[in-house]
């Protein structure tokens, strides 16, 4: 299990893309929490 931290949910796709392109992972999970504001 490899865990990478990014600043916010918006930044998760770029790192997930790089991990997916590496060919080293069978599956990827993006975790974040976005709370509605005003």
ModelCIF file with pLDDT and N, C-alpha, C, O atoms, coordinates in Angstrom:
data_MODEL
#
_entry.id   MODEL 
#
_entity.id                         1 
_entity.type                       polymer 
_entity.pdbx_number_of_molecules   1 
#
_entity_poly.entity_id                      1 
_entity_poly.type                           'polypeptide(L)' 
_entity_poly.nstd_linkage                   no 
_entity_poly.nstd_monomer                   no 
_entity_poly.pdbx_seq_one_letter_code       
;(UNK)(UNK)(UNK)(UNK)(UNK)(UNK)(UNK)(UNK)(UNK)(UNK)(UNK)(UNK)(UNK)(UNK)(UNK)(UNK)
(UNK)(UNK)(UNK)(UNK)(UNK)(UNK)(UNK)(UNK)(UNK)(UNK)(UNK)(UNK)(UNK)(UNK)(UNK)(UNK)
(UNK)(UNK)(UNK)(UNK)(UNK)(UNK)
;
_entity_poly.pdbx_seq_one_letter_code_can   XXXXXXXXXXXXXXXXXXXXXXXXXXXXXXXXXXXXXX 
_entity_poly.pdbx_strand_id                 A 
#
loop_
_entity_poly_seq.entity_id 
_entity_poly_seq.num 
_entity_poly_seq.mon_id 
_entity_poly_seq.hetero 
1 1  UNK n 
1 2  UNK n 
1 3  UNK n 
1 4  UNK n 
1 5  UNK n 
1 6  UNK n 
1 7  UNK n 
1 8  UNK n 
1 9  UNK n 
1 10 UNK n 
1 11 UNK n 
1 12 UNK n 
1 13 UNK n 
1 14 UNK n 
1 15 UNK n 
1 16 UNK n 
1 17 UNK n 
1 18 UNK n 
1 19 UNK n 
1 20 UNK n 
1 21 UNK n 
1 22 UNK n 
1 23 UNK n 
1 24 UNK n 
1 25 UNK n 
1 26 UNK n 
1 27 UNK n 
1 28 UNK n 
1 29 UNK n 
1 30 UNK n 
1 31 UNK n 
1 32 UNK n 
1 33 UNK n 
1 34 UNK n 
1 35 UNK n 
1 36 UNK n 
1 37 UNK n 
1 38 UNK n 
#
_struct_asym.id          A 
_struct_asym.entity_id   1 
#
loop_
_ma_qa_metric.id 
_ma_qa_metric.mode 
_ma_qa_metric.name 
_ma_qa_metric.software_group_id 
_ma_qa_metric.type 
1 global pLDDT . pLDDT 
2 local  pLDDT . pLDDT 
#
_ma_qa_metric_global.metric_id      1 
_ma_qa_metric_global.metric_value   95.45 
_ma_qa_metric_global.model_id       1 
_ma_qa_metric_global.ordinal_id     1 
#
loop_
_ma_qa_metric_local.label_asym_id 
_ma_qa_metric_local.label_comp_id 
_ma_qa_metric_local.label_seq_id 
_ma_qa_metric_local.metric_id 
_ma_qa_metric_local.metric_value 
_ma_qa_metric_local.model_id 
_ma_qa_metric_local.ordinal_id 
A UNK 1  2 98.00 1 1  
A UNK 2  2 98.00 1 2  
A UNK 3  2 98.00 1 3  
A UNK 4  2 98.00 1 4  
A UNK 5  2 98.00 1 5  
A UNK 6  2 98.00 1 6  
A UNK 7  2 97.00 1 7  
A UNK 8  2 95.00 1 8  
A UNK 9  2 95.00 1 9  
A UNK 10 2 95.00 1 10 
A UNK 11 2 97.00 1 11 
A UNK 12 2 97.00 1 12 
A UNK 13 2 98.00 1 13 
A UNK 14 2 98.00 1 14 
A UNK 15 2 98.00 1 15 
A UNK 16 2 98.00 1 16 
A UNK 17 2 98.00 1 17 
A UNK 18 2 98.00 1 18 
A UNK 19 2 98.00 1 19 
A UNK 20 2 98.00 1 20 
A UNK 21 2 97.00 1 21 
A UNK 22 2 97.00 1 22 
A UNK 23 2 96.00 1 23 
A UNK 24 2 97.00 1 24 
A UNK 25 2 98.00 1 25 
A UNK 26 2 98.00 1 26 
A UNK 27 2 98.00 1 27 
A UNK 28 2 98.00 1 28 
A UNK 29 2 98.00 1 29 
A UNK 30 2 98.00 1 30 
A UNK 31 2 98.00 1 31 
A UNK 32 2 96.00 1 32 
A UNK 33 2 95.00 1 33 
A UNK 34 2 93.00 1 34 
A UNK 35 2 90.00 1 35 
A UNK 36 2 87.00 1 36 
A UNK 37 2 75.00 1 37 
A UNK 38 2 70.00 1 38 
#
loop_
_atom_site.group_PDB 
_atom_site.id 
_atom_site.type_symbol 
_atom_site.label_atom_id 
_atom_site.label_alt_id 
_atom_site.label_comp_id 
_atom_site.label_asym_id 
_atom_site.label_entity_id 
_atom_site.label_seq_id 
_atom_site.pdbx_PDB_ins_code 
_atom_site.Cartn_x 
_atom_site.Cartn_y 
_atom_site.Cartn_z 
_atom_site.occupancy 
_atom_site.B_iso_or_equiv 
_atom_site.pdbx_formal_charge 
_atom_site.auth_seq_id 
_atom_site.auth_comp_id 
_atom_site.auth_asym_id 
_atom_site.auth_atom_id 
_atom_site.pdbx_PDB_model_num 
ATOM 1   N N  . UNK A 1 1  ? 0.861   -1.186 0.000   1.00 98.00 ? 1  UNK A N  1 
ATOM 2   C CA . UNK A 1 1  ? 0.000   0.000  0.000   1.00 98.00 ? 1  UNK A CA 1 
ATOM 3   C C  . UNK A 1 1  ? 0.895   1.232  0.000   1.00 98.00 ? 1  UNK A C  1 
ATOM 4   O O  . UNK A 1 1  ? 1.736   1.401  0.883   1.00 98.00 ? 1  UNK A O  1 
ATOM 5   N N  . UNK A 1 2  ? 0.708   2.084  -0.991  1.00 98.00 ? 2  UNK A N  1 
ATOM 6   C CA . UNK A 1 2  ? 1.476   3.319  -1.106  1.00 98.00 ? 2  UNK A CA 1 
ATOM 7   C C  . UNK A 1 2  ? 0.526   4.492  -0.910  1.00 98.00 ? 2  UNK A C  1 
ATOM 8   O O  . UNK A 1 2  ? -0.527  4.563  -1.543  1.00 98.00 ? 2  UNK A O  1 
ATOM 9   N N  . UNK A 1 3  ? 0.908   5.416  -0.022  1.00 98.00 ? 3  UNK A N  1 
ATOM 10  C CA . UNK A 1 3  ? 0.070   6.583  0.274   1.00 98.00 ? 3  UNK A CA 1 
ATOM 11  C C  . UNK A 1 3  ? 0.828   7.848  -0.112  1.00 98.00 ? 3  UNK A C  1 
ATOM 12  O O  . UNK A 1 3  ? 1.988   8.029  0.257   1.00 98.00 ? 3  UNK A O  1 
ATOM 13  N N  . UNK A 1 4  ? 0.164   8.710  -0.848  1.00 98.00 ? 4  UNK A N  1 
ATOM 14  C CA . UNK A 1 4  ? 0.721   10.020 -1.211  1.00 98.00 ? 4  UNK A CA 1 
ATOM 15  C C  . UNK A 1 4  ? -0.234  11.102 -0.712  1.00 98.00 ? 4  UNK A C  1 
ATOM 16  O O  . UNK A 1 4  ? -1.453  10.962 -0.811  1.00 98.00 ? 4  UNK A O  1 
ATOM 17  N N  . UNK A 1 5  ? 0.323   12.166 -0.182  1.00 98.00 ? 5  UNK A N  1 
ATOM 18  C CA . UNK A 1 5  ? -0.482  13.295 0.317   1.00 98.00 ? 5  UNK A CA 1 
ATOM 19  C C  . UNK A 1 5  ? -0.320  14.486 -0.615  1.00 98.00 ? 5  UNK A C  1 
ATOM 20  O O  . UNK A 1 5  ? 0.786   14.796 -1.058  1.00 98.00 ? 5  UNK A O  1 
ATOM 21  N N  . UNK A 1 6  ? -1.430  15.148 -0.907  1.00 98.00 ? 6  UNK A N  1 
ATOM 22  C CA . UNK A 1 6  ? -1.443  16.347 -1.737  1.00 98.00 ? 6  UNK A CA 1 
ATOM 23  C C  . UNK A 1 6  ? -2.167  17.455 -0.964  1.00 98.00 ? 6  UNK A C  1 
ATOM 24  O O  . UNK A 1 6  ? -2.851  17.169 0.018   1.00 98.00 ? 6  UNK A O  1 
ATOM 25  N N  . UNK A 1 7  ? -2.026  18.714 -1.394  1.00 97.00 ? 7  UNK A N  1 
ATOM 26  C CA . UNK A 1 7  ? -2.646  19.802 -0.630  1.00 97.00 ? 7  UNK A CA 1 
ATOM 27  C C  . UNK A 1 7  ? -4.164  19.699 -0.480  1.00 97.00 ? 7  UNK A C  1 
ATOM 28  O O  . UNK A 1 7  ? -4.684  19.890 0.620   1.00 97.00 ? 7  UNK A O  1 
ATOM 29  N N  . UNK A 1 8  ? -4.879  19.401 -1.557  1.00 95.00 ? 8  UNK A N  1 
ATOM 30  C CA . UNK A 1 8  ? -6.336  19.351 -1.479  1.00 95.00 ? 8  UNK A CA 1 
ATOM 31  C C  . UNK A 1 8  ? -6.904  18.348 -2.462  1.00 95.00 ? 8  UNK A C  1 
ATOM 32  O O  . UNK A 1 8  ? -6.164  17.750 -3.243  1.00 95.00 ? 8  UNK A O  1 
ATOM 33  N N  . UNK A 1 9  ? -8.210  18.162 -2.427  1.00 95.00 ? 9  UNK A N  1 
ATOM 34  C CA . UNK A 1 9  ? -8.862  17.188 -3.308  1.00 95.00 ? 9  UNK A CA 1 
ATOM 35  C C  . UNK A 1 9  ? -8.638  17.505 -4.779  1.00 95.00 ? 9  UNK A C  1 
ATOM 36  O O  . UNK A 1 9  ? -8.521  16.594 -5.598  1.00 95.00 ? 9  UNK A O  1 
ATOM 37  N N  . UNK A 1 10 ? -8.579  18.784 -5.120  1.00 95.00 ? 10 UNK A N  1 
ATOM 38  C CA . UNK A 1 10 ? -8.390  19.174 -6.517  1.00 95.00 ? 10 UNK A CA 1 
ATOM 39  C C  . UNK A 1 10 ? -7.054  18.677 -7.069  1.00 95.00 ? 10 UNK A C  1 
ATOM 40  O O  . UNK A 1 10 ? -6.925  18.459 -8.273  1.00 95.00 ? 10 UNK A O  1 
ATOM 41  N N  . UNK A 1 11 ? -6.075  18.500 -6.209  1.00 97.00 ? 11 UNK A N  1 
ATOM 42  C CA . UNK A 1 11 ? -4.750  18.057 -6.649  1.00 97.00 ? 11 UNK A CA 1 
ATOM 43  C C  . UNK A 1 11 ? -4.611  16.535 -6.756  1.00 97.00 ? 11 UNK A C  1 
ATOM 44  O O  . UNK A 1 11 ? -3.603  16.050 -7.270  1.00 97.00 ? 11 UNK A O  1 
ATOM 45  N N  . UNK A 1 12 ? -5.589  15.785 -6.286  1.00 97.00 ? 12 UNK A N  1 
ATOM 46  C CA . UNK A 1 12 ? -5.472  14.328 -6.304  1.00 97.00 ? 12 UNK A CA 1 
ATOM 47  C C  . UNK A 1 12 ? -5.373  13.727 -7.707  1.00 97.00 ? 12 UNK A C  1 
ATOM 48  O O  . UNK A 1 12 ? -4.596  12.789 -7.889  1.00 97.00 ? 12 UNK A O  1 
ATOM 49  N N  . UNK A 1 13 ? -6.114  14.213 -8.712  1.00 98.00 ? 13 UNK A N  1 
ATOM 50  C CA . UNK A 1 13 ? -6.052  13.547 -10.017 1.00 98.00 ? 13 UNK A CA 1 
ATOM 51  C C  . UNK A 1 13 ? -4.665  13.509 -10.657 1.00 98.00 ? 13 UNK A C  1 
ATOM 52  O O  . UNK A 1 13 ? -4.311  12.507 -11.279 1.00 98.00 ? 13 UNK A O  1 
ATOM 53  N N  . UNK A 1 14 ? -3.890  14.549 -10.525 1.00 98.00 ? 14 UNK A N  1 
ATOM 54  C CA . UNK A 1 14 ? -2.569  14.557 -11.160 1.00 98.00 ? 14 UNK A CA 1 
ATOM 55  C C  . UNK A 1 14 ? -1.679  13.456 -10.598 1.00 98.00 ? 14 UNK A C  1 
ATOM 56  O O  . UNK A 1 14 ? -0.999  12.759 -11.352 1.00 98.00 ? 14 UNK A O  1 
ATOM 57  N N  . UNK A 1 15 ? -1.681  13.299 -9.290  1.00 98.00 ? 15 UNK A N  1 
ATOM 58  C CA . UNK A 1 15 ? -0.849  12.266 -8.671  1.00 98.00 ? 15 UNK A CA 1 
ATOM 59  C C  . UNK A 1 15 ? -1.409  10.883 -8.987  1.00 98.00 ? 15 UNK A C  1 
ATOM 60  O O  . UNK A 1 15 ? -0.647  9.946  -9.226  1.00 98.00 ? 15 UNK A O  1 
ATOM 61  N N  . UNK A 1 16 ? -2.716  10.751 -8.990  1.00 98.00 ? 16 UNK A N  1 
ATOM 62  C CA . UNK A 1 16 ? -3.329  9.470  -9.357  1.00 98.00 ? 16 UNK A CA 1 
ATOM 63  C C  . UNK A 1 16 ? -2.974  9.116  -10.799 1.00 98.00 ? 16 UNK A C  1 
ATOM 64  O O  . UNK A 1 16 ? -2.682  7.960  -11.104 1.00 98.00 ? 16 UNK A O  1 
ATOM 65  N N  . UNK A 1 17 ? -2.998  10.100 -11.674 1.00 98.00 ? 17 UNK A N  1 
ATOM 66  C CA . UNK A 1 17 ? -2.635  9.845  -13.067 1.00 98.00 ? 17 UNK A CA 1 
ATOM 67  C C  . UNK A 1 17 ? -1.193  9.342  -13.176 1.00 98.00 ? 17 UNK A C  1 
ATOM 68  O O  . UNK A 1 17 ? -0.923  8.370  -13.882 1.00 98.00 ? 17 UNK A O  1 
ATOM 69  N N  . UNK A 1 18 ? -0.285  9.996  -12.486 1.00 98.00 ? 18 UNK A N  1 
ATOM 70  C CA . UNK A 1 18 ? 1.126   9.585  -12.536 1.00 98.00 ? 18 UNK A CA 1 
ATOM 71  C C  . UNK A 1 18 ? 1.278   8.166  -11.981 1.00 98.00 ? 18 UNK A C  1 
ATOM 72  O O  . UNK A 1 18 ? 2.031   7.361  -12.531 1.00 98.00 ? 18 UNK A O  1 
ATOM 73  N N  . UNK A 1 19 ? 0.568   7.861  -10.898 1.00 98.00 ? 19 UNK A N  1 
ATOM 74  C CA . UNK A 1 19 ? 0.646   6.519  -10.322 1.00 98.00 ? 19 UNK A CA 1 
ATOM 75  C C  . UNK A 1 19 ? 0.064   5.487  -11.288 1.00 98.00 ? 19 UNK A C  1 
ATOM 76  O O  . UNK A 1 19 ? 0.618   4.398  -11.441 1.00 98.00 ? 19 UNK A O  1 
ATOM 77  N N  . UNK A 1 20 ? -1.042  5.823  -11.933 1.00 98.00 ? 20 UNK A N  1 
ATOM 78  C CA . UNK A 1 20 ? -1.668  4.899  -12.888 1.00 98.00 ? 20 UNK A CA 1 
ATOM 79  C C  . UNK A 1 20 ? -0.749  4.645  -14.072 1.00 98.00 ? 20 UNK A C  1 
ATOM 80  O O  . UNK A 1 20 ? -0.650  3.512  -14.543 1.00 98.00 ? 20 UNK A O  1 
ATOM 81  N N  . UNK A 1 21 ? -0.090  5.659  -14.550 1.00 97.00 ? 21 UNK A N  1 
ATOM 82  C CA . UNK A 1 21 ? 0.809   5.527  -15.696 1.00 97.00 ? 21 UNK A CA 1 
ATOM 83  C C  . UNK A 1 21 ? 2.072   4.737  -15.364 1.00 97.00 ? 21 UNK A C  1 
ATOM 84  O O  . UNK A 1 21 ? 2.732   4.216  -16.263 1.00 97.00 ? 21 UNK A O  1 
ATOM 85  N N  . UNK A 1 22 ? 2.406   4.647  -14.094 1.00 97.00 ? 22 UNK A N  1 
ATOM 86  C CA . UNK A 1 22 ? 3.624   3.943  -13.689 1.00 97.00 ? 22 UNK A CA 1 
ATOM 87  C C  . UNK A 1 22 ? 3.557   2.444  -13.928 1.00 97.00 ? 22 UNK A C  1 
ATOM 88  O O  . UNK A 1 22 ? 4.592   1.788  -14.052 1.00 97.00 ? 22 UNK A O  1 
ATOM 89  N N  . UNK A 1 23 ? 2.347   1.895  -13.994 1.00 96.00 ? 23 UNK A N  1 
ATOM 90  C CA . UNK A 1 23 ? 2.188   0.463  -14.167 1.00 96.00 ? 23 UNK A CA 1 
ATOM 91  C C  . UNK A 1 23 ? 2.466   -0.342 -12.908 1.00 96.00 ? 23 UNK A C  1 
ATOM 92  O O  . UNK A 1 23 ? 2.535   -1.569 -12.964 1.00 96.00 ? 23 UNK A O  1 
ATOM 93  N N  . UNK A 1 24 ? 2.626   0.326  -11.778 1.00 97.00 ? 24 UNK A N  1 
ATOM 94  C CA . UNK A 1 24 ? 2.978   -0.359 -10.529 1.00 97.00 ? 24 UNK A CA 1 
ATOM 95  C C  . UNK A 1 24 ? 1.782   -0.663 -9.633  1.00 97.00 ? 24 UNK A C  1 
ATOM 96  O O  . UNK A 1 24 ? 1.945   -1.279 -8.580  1.00 97.00 ? 24 UNK A O  1 
ATOM 97  N N  . UNK A 1 25 ? 0.587   -0.242 -10.032 1.00 98.00 ? 25 UNK A N  1 
ATOM 98  C CA . UNK A 1 25 ? -0.568  -0.382 -9.147  1.00 98.00 ? 25 UNK A CA 1 
ATOM 99  C C  . UNK A 1 25 ? -1.699  -1.139 -9.828  1.00 98.00 ? 25 UNK A C  1 
ATOM 100 O O  . UNK A 1 25 ? -1.952  -0.976 -11.022 1.00 98.00 ? 25 UNK A O  1 
ATOM 101 N N  . UNK A 1 26 ? -2.374  -1.976 -9.035  1.00 98.00 ? 26 UNK A N  1 
ATOM 102 C CA . UNK A 1 26 ? -3.547  -2.700 -9.523  1.00 98.00 ? 26 UNK A CA 1 
ATOM 103 C C  . UNK A 1 26 ? -4.803  -1.853 -9.397  1.00 98.00 ? 26 UNK A C  1 
ATOM 104 O O  . UNK A 1 26 ? -5.756  -2.047 -10.153 1.00 98.00 ? 26 UNK A O  1 
ATOM 105 N N  . UNK A 1 27 ? -4.820  -0.925 -8.463  1.00 98.00 ? 27 UNK A N  1 
ATOM 106 C CA . UNK A 1 27 ? -5.950  -0.015 -8.283  1.00 98.00 ? 27 UNK A CA 1 
ATOM 107 C C  . UNK A 1 27 ? -5.479  1.204  -7.498  1.00 98.00 ? 27 UNK A C  1 
ATOM 108 O O  . UNK A 1 27 ? -4.489  1.156  -6.768  1.00 98.00 ? 27 UNK A O  1 
ATOM 109 N N  . UNK A 1 28 ? -6.213  2.290  -7.671  1.00 98.00 ? 28 UNK A N  1 
ATOM 110 C CA . UNK A 1 28 ? -5.896  3.543  -6.983  1.00 98.00 ? 28 UNK A CA 1 
ATOM 111 C C  . UNK A 1 28 ? -7.142  4.091  -6.327  1.00 98.00 ? 28 UNK A C  1 
ATOM 112 O O  . UNK A 1 28 ? -8.260  3.901  -6.807  1.00 98.00 ? 28 UNK A O  1 
ATOM 113 N N  . UNK A 1 29 ? -6.925  4.780  -5.213  1.00 98.00 ? 29 UNK A N  1 
ATOM 114 C CA . UNK A 1 29 ? -8.035  5.357  -4.446  1.00 98.00 ? 29 UNK A CA 1 
ATOM 115 C C  . UNK A 1 29 ? -7.709  6.820  -4.175  1.00 98.00 ? 29 UNK A C  1 
ATOM 116 O O  . UNK A 1 29 ? -6.610  7.143  -3.725  1.00 98.00 ? 29 UNK A O  1 
ATOM 117 N N  . UNK A 1 30 ? -8.655  7.694  -4.448  1.00 98.00 ? 30 UNK A N  1 
ATOM 118 C CA . UNK A 1 30 ? -8.507  9.103  -4.101  1.00 98.00 ? 30 UNK A CA 1 
ATOM 119 C C  . UNK A 1 30 ? -9.369  9.417  -2.898  1.00 98.00 ? 30 UNK A C  1 
ATOM 120 O O  . UNK A 1 30 ? -10.579 9.193  -2.929  1.00 98.00 ? 30 UNK A O  1 
ATOM 121 N N  . UNK A 1 31 ? -8.764  9.934  -1.829  1.00 98.00 ? 31 UNK A N  1 
ATOM 122 C CA . UNK A 1 31 ? -9.498  10.258 -0.606  1.00 98.00 ? 31 UNK A CA 1 
ATOM 123 C C  . UNK A 1 31 ? -9.411  11.756 -0.327  1.00 98.00 ? 31 UNK A C  1 
ATOM 124 O O  . UNK A 1 31 ? -8.345  12.360 -0.439  1.00 98.00 ? 31 UNK A O  1 
ATOM 125 N N  . UNK A 1 32 ? -10.532 12.334 0.031   1.00 96.00 ? 32 UNK A N  1 
ATOM 126 C CA . UNK A 1 32 ? -10.587 13.736 0.402   1.00 96.00 ? 32 UNK A CA 1 
ATOM 127 C C  . UNK A 1 32 ? -11.929 14.036 1.035   1.00 96.00 ? 32 UNK A C  1 
ATOM 128 O O  . UNK A 1 32 ? -12.843 13.212 1.018   1.00 96.00 ? 32 UNK A O  1 
ATOM 129 N N  . UNK A 1 33 ? -12.031 15.226 1.590   1.00 95.00 ? 33 UNK A N  1 
ATOM 130 C CA . UNK A 1 33 ? -13.296 15.692 2.159   1.00 95.00 ? 33 UNK A CA 1 
ATOM 131 C C  . UNK A 1 33 ? -13.504 17.127 1.687   1.00 95.00 ? 33 UNK A C  1 
ATOM 132 O O  . UNK A 1 33 ? -12.685 18.010 1.940   1.00 95.00 ? 33 UNK A O  1 
ATOM 133 N N  . UNK A 1 34 ? -14.614 17.333 1.000   1.00 93.00 ? 34 UNK A N  1 
ATOM 134 C CA . UNK A 1 34 ? -14.974 18.660 0.517   1.00 93.00 ? 34 UNK A CA 1 
ATOM 135 C C  . UNK A 1 34 ? -16.288 19.043 1.181   1.00 93.00 ? 34 UNK A C  1 
ATOM 136 O O  . UNK A 1 34 ? -17.309 18.381 0.993   1.00 93.00 ? 34 UNK A O  1 
ATOM 137 N N  . UNK A 1 35 ? -16.252 20.112 1.954   1.00 90.00 ? 35 UNK A N  1 
ATOM 138 C CA . UNK A 1 35 ? -17.442 20.569 2.692   1.00 90.00 ? 35 UNK A CA 1 
ATOM 139 C C  . UNK A 1 35 ? -17.973 21.827 2.016   1.00 90.00 ? 35 UNK A C  1 
ATOM 140 O O  . UNK A 1 35 ? -17.235 22.788 1.800   1.00 90.00 ? 35 UNK A O  1 
ATOM 141 N N  . UNK A 1 36 ? -19.248 21.807 1.688   1.00 87.00 ? 36 UNK A N  1 
ATOM 142 C CA . UNK A 1 36 ? -19.887 22.940 1.018   1.00 87.00 ? 36 UNK A CA 1 
ATOM 143 C C  . UNK A 1 36 ? -19.818 24.183 1.896   1.00 87.00 ? 36 UNK A C  1 
ATOM 144 O O  . UNK A 1 36 ? -20.123 24.142 3.088   1.00 87.00 ? 36 UNK A O  1 
ATOM 145 N N  . UNK A 1 37 ? -19.418 25.263 1.293   1.00 75.00 ? 37 UNK A N  1 
ATOM 146 C CA . UNK A 1 37 ? -19.391 26.549 1.989   1.00 75.00 ? 37 UNK A CA 1 
ATOM 147 C C  . UNK A 1 37 ? -20.468 27.455 1.422   1.00 75.00 ? 37 UNK A C  1 
ATOM 148 O O  . UNK A 1 37 ? -21.478 26.982 0.902   1.00 75.00 ? 37 UNK A O  1 
ATOM 149 N N  . UNK A 1 38 ? -20.249 28.751 1.522   1.00 70.00 ? 38 UNK A N  1 
ATOM 150 C CA . UNK A 1 38 ? -21.234 29.729 1.063   1.00 70.00 ? 38 UNK A CA 1 
ATOM 151 C C  . UNK A 1 38 ? -21.227 29.904 -0.455  1.00 70.00 ? 38 UNK A C  1 
ATOM 152 O O  . UNK A 1 38 ? -22.004 30.696 -0.988  1.00 70.00 ? 38 UNK A O  1 
#
